[in-house]
Amino acid sequence: MKKITQNIIRLFVISSLTCTFLGAAEEEKKKPAKKPTKTPEERFQWLDKDKDGGITIEELKVNPYWKKKPDDAAKMFKKKDKNSDGKLSKEEFVAKQQPKKKKGDQAKKKQGADKKKEQKK
C-alpha cells in the first residue's frame, strides 16, 4: 500500500512539472514578436512630409513623440542643424551625436600625455 501511494505521488509530481513546462512554452509562443525598429533613414523619410529632402521644425513637431515635448524638439533640432538653414538634411538627421566630454577627461588626457613625454626622455 505504501509503494502504491509513493508511486501515485511521483506520478502526480512528474505530470505537474511536465504541464508547467508545456504551459510556459505555450505562453512564450503567444507573445507577439517585437516590432523591428526603423532605421534613421526610414524615420527621415517618414518625417519629411513634403518630400523636399529636409525636415523643418514644424514637420518634426508633428511626430507624436515630439508633440509632447516641443521644447526638447527645438533643442534637438538646433543641435543637429549644423549649417543653421532651418532644415535638417538627411546627413544631419542621420549623424550620431558626439558624446559630451567631461571636464575631468581633458585633465586625464593631458596627464597621460605628460607621462608619455617623460617616459620617452
Protein backbone atom coordinates (compact mmCIF):
# COMPACT_ATOMS: atom_id res chain seq x y z
CA MET A 1 0.00 0.00 0.00
CA LYS A 2 2.86 2.32 0.86
CA LYS A 3 4.54 1.71 -2.54
CA ILE A 4 1.32 2.43 -4.39
CA THR A 5 0.95 5.75 -2.55
CA GLN A 6 4.57 6.69 -3.32
CA ASN A 7 4.13 5.82 -6.99
CA ILE A 8 0.94 7.88 -7.20
CA ILE A 9 2.72 10.85 -5.61
CA ARG A 10 5.68 10.51 -8.01
CA LEU A 11 3.33 10.30 -10.98
CA PHE A 12 1.49 13.40 -9.78
CA VAL A 13 4.74 15.38 -9.32
CA ILE A 14 6.10 14.38 -12.72
CA SER A 15 2.84 15.20 -14.50
CA SER A 16 2.62 18.56 -12.70
CA LEU A 17 6.14 19.52 -13.74
CA THR A 18 5.51 18.46 -17.32
CA CYS A 19 2.33 20.50 -17.52
CA THR A 20 4.12 23.53 -16.06
CA PHE A 21 6.88 23.39 -18.67
CA LEU A 22 4.44 22.85 -21.52
CA GLY A 23 2.29 25.74 -20.32
CA ALA A 24 5.31 28.04 -20.16
CA ALA A 25 6.30 27.05 -23.69
CA GLU A 26 2.79 27.82 -24.96
CA GLU A 27 2.85 31.25 -23.29
CA GLU A 28 6.18 32.01 -24.95
CA LYS A 29 4.70 31.19 -28.35
CA LYS A 30 1.73 33.51 -27.76
CA LYS A 31 3.90 36.58 -27.13
CA PRO A 32 3.94 38.85 -30.15
CA ALA A 33 7.26 39.37 -31.85
CA LYS A 34 8.91 42.73 -31.26
CA LYS A 35 8.40 45.26 -34.00
CA PRO A 36 11.56 45.91 -35.91
CA THR A 37 12.76 49.45 -35.28
CA LYS A 38 13.05 51.80 -38.19
CA THR A 39 16.44 52.89 -39.40
CA PRO A 40 17.28 56.61 -39.19
CA GLU A 41 16.90 56.83 -42.96
CA GLU A 42 13.38 55.37 -42.77
CA ARG A 43 12.46 57.77 -39.96
CA PHE A 44 13.79 60.68 -42.04
CA GLN A 45 11.59 59.66 -44.99
CA TRP A 46 8.58 59.36 -42.69
CA LEU A 47 9.16 62.78 -41.09
CA ASP A 48 9.79 64.56 -44.40
CA LYS A 49 6.10 65.06 -45.16
CA ASP A 50 6.53 67.39 -48.13
CA LYS A 51 9.34 65.22 -49.58
CA ASP A 52 11.64 68.18 -50.23
CA GLY A 53 14.71 66.44 -48.82
CA GLY A 54 14.72 68.28 -45.50
CA ILE A 55 12.87 68.25 -42.20
CA THR A 56 11.68 71.55 -40.77
CA ILE A 57 10.93 72.11 -37.09
CA GLU A 58 7.20 72.10 -37.93
CA GLU A 59 7.48 68.69 -39.60
CA LEU A 60 9.40 67.40 -36.59
CA LYS A 61 6.84 68.64 -34.07
CA VAL A 62 4.05 66.73 -35.89
CA ASN A 63 5.69 63.49 -34.75
CA PRO A 64 3.69 62.11 -31.77
CA TYR A 65 6.88 61.73 -29.71
CA TRP A 66 7.98 65.35 -30.17
CA LYS A 67 4.42 66.69 -29.97
CA LYS A 68 4.55 66.03 -26.23
CA LYS A 69 7.98 67.70 -25.88
CA PRO A 70 8.14 70.74 -28.18
CA ASP A 71 10.97 72.39 -26.21
CA ASP A 72 13.09 69.25 -26.42
CA ALA A 73 12.31 69.02 -30.13
CA ALA A 74 13.57 72.56 -30.68
CA LYS A 75 16.78 71.86 -28.73
CA MET A 76 17.45 68.65 -30.65
CA PHE A 77 16.69 70.38 -33.95
CA LYS A 78 19.10 73.22 -33.17
CA LYS A 79 21.89 70.78 -32.22
CA LYS A 80 21.50 68.72 -35.39
CA ASP A 81 21.06 71.66 -37.79
CA LYS A 82 24.81 72.23 -38.31
CA ASN A 83 24.50 74.73 -41.16
CA SER A 84 21.62 76.65 -39.45
CA ASP A 85 19.47 76.72 -42.59
CA GLY A 86 16.27 75.81 -40.73
CA LYS A 87 16.12 72.32 -42.24
CA LEU A 88 17.68 69.03 -41.32
CA SER A 89 19.20 67.28 -44.30
CA LYS A 90 19.31 63.51 -44.33
CA GLU A 91 23.01 63.64 -43.39
CA GLU A 92 22.35 65.97 -40.45
CA PHE A 93 19.43 63.88 -39.24
CA VAL A 94 21.25 60.55 -39.51
CA ALA A 95 24.53 61.80 -37.99
CA LYS A 96 25.15 60.48 -34.49
CA GLN A 97 25.64 62.95 -31.69
CA GLN A 98 29.12 63.02 -30.26
CA PRO A 99 29.07 62.25 -26.54
CA LYS A 100 29.70 65.24 -24.34
CA LYS A 101 33.21 65.38 -22.96
CA LYS A 102 33.51 65.62 -19.24
CA LYS A 103 35.73 68.24 -17.69
CA GLY A 104 37.79 65.57 -15.95
CA ASP A 105 38.51 63.79 -19.23
CA GLN A 106 40.57 66.70 -20.57
CA ALA A 107 42.74 66.77 -17.46
CA LYS A 108 43.27 62.98 -17.59
CA LYS A 109 44.32 63.12 -21.26
CA LYS A 110 46.77 65.90 -20.50
CA GLN A 111 48.26 63.95 -17.60
CA GLY A 112 48.59 60.85 -19.77
CA ALA A 113 50.36 62.83 -22.49
CA ASP A 114 52.73 64.34 -19.92
CA LYS A 115 53.61 60.87 -18.60
CA LYS A 116 54.35 59.60 -22.13
CA LYS A 117 56.67 62.54 -22.76
CA GLU A 118 58.54 61.83 -19.52
CA GLN A 119 58.92 58.14 -20.42
CA LYS A 120 60.41 58.99 -23.82
CA LYS A 121 63.11 61.16 -22.19
